[in-house]
Amino acid sequence: MPESVYKIIELVGTSKESWEKAAAAAVAKAAGTLRDLRIAEVSQLDMQITDGKVEAYRAKVKVSFKFEDN
C-alpha cells in the first residue's frame, strides 16, 4: 500500500442560524473546489454580535484532503 500525504487548510464558515450550519457551510464550500476531503475538525466557535444581539455564528474548521503530486 503506498503512503499517503494529506494537506490541512483552515476555513471559517458563517451562518445566521447555528454553529453547525456555519461548519457545514465551510465544508460545502471546500467540497466545491477540493477533491478527496477526509476529515473536518471544528477548532473554534464564536459569534458576531451587533447591538447586543447575535448577528452570525462562526465556526473555524480544519479540513484535510489527500495531497497529490502532479
Protein backbone atom coordinates (compact mmCIF):
# COMPACT_ATOMS: atom_id res chain seq x y z
CA MET A 1 0.00 0.00 0.00
CA PRO A 2 1.54 3.35 -0.98
CA GLU A 3 1.99 6.01 1.66
CA SER A 4 -0.45 8.92 1.64
CA VAL A 5 0.04 12.58 2.45
CA TYR A 6 -2.77 14.93 3.46
CA LYS A 7 -2.90 18.71 3.39
CA ILE A 8 -4.82 20.66 6.03
CA ILE A 9 -6.42 24.04 5.40
CA GLU A 10 -8.31 26.26 7.80
CA LEU A 11 -11.62 27.88 6.86
CA VAL A 12 -14.21 29.99 8.66
CA GLY A 13 -17.85 29.30 7.87
CA THR A 14 -20.69 31.58 8.92
CA SER A 15 -24.41 31.17 9.47
CA LYS A 16 -27.19 33.32 10.84
CA GLU A 17 -28.79 30.19 12.37
CA SER A 18 -26.22 27.96 14.12
CA TRP A 19 -22.62 26.84 14.58
CA GLU A 20 -23.49 23.52 12.96
CA LYS A 21 -24.66 25.27 9.79
CA ALA A 22 -21.59 27.52 9.87
CA ALA A 23 -19.28 24.48 9.96
CA ALA A 24 -21.31 22.74 7.24
CA ALA A 25 -21.04 25.85 5.04
CA ALA A 26 -17.23 25.76 5.29
CA VAL A 27 -17.12 22.06 4.36
CA ALA A 28 -19.58 22.52 1.48
CA LYS A 29 -17.50 25.36 0.04
CA ALA A 30 -14.31 23.30 0.32
CA ALA A 31 -16.01 20.33 -1.35
CA GLY A 32 -16.80 22.53 -4.33
CA THR A 33 -13.12 23.09 -5.16
CA LEU A 34 -11.17 20.30 -3.45
CA ARG A 35 -11.19 16.57 -4.12
CA ASP A 36 -10.96 13.69 -1.69
CA LEU A 37 -11.87 15.51 1.53
CA ARG A 38 -11.13 13.31 4.54
CA ILE A 39 -11.66 14.96 7.91
CA ALA A 40 -13.16 18.22 9.17
CA GLU A 41 -12.31 19.35 12.69
CA VAL A 42 -14.02 22.30 14.35
CA SER A 43 -11.26 24.17 16.15
CA GLN A 44 -13.08 27.31 17.34
CA LEU A 45 -16.60 28.67 17.68
CA ASP A 46 -17.54 32.32 18.07
CA MET A 47 -20.36 34.76 17.38
CA GLN A 48 -20.59 38.14 15.74
CA ILE A 49 -22.61 40.48 17.96
CA THR A 50 -24.25 43.78 16.97
CA ASP A 51 -26.18 45.94 19.41
CA GLY A 52 -26.20 43.14 21.97
CA LYS A 53 -27.73 40.60 19.56
CA VAL A 54 -26.14 37.64 17.81
CA GLU A 55 -25.76 38.52 14.13
CA ALA A 56 -23.92 35.38 12.99
CA TYR A 57 -22.37 32.16 14.22
CA ARG A 58 -18.84 31.42 13.05
CA ALA A 59 -17.01 28.10 13.03
CA LYS A 60 -13.29 27.78 12.32
CA VAL A 61 -12.82 24.41 10.61
CA LYS A 62 -9.67 22.49 9.71
CA VAL A 63 -10.30 20.39 6.59
CA SER A 64 -7.92 17.72 5.34
CA PHE A 65 -7.68 16.28 1.84
CA LYS A 66 -5.35 13.93 0.05
CA PHE A 67 -2.32 15.71 -1.38
CA GLU A 68 -1.43 14.60 -4.90
CA ASP A 69 1.77 15.37 -6.80
CA ASN A 70 1.36 16.30 -10.46
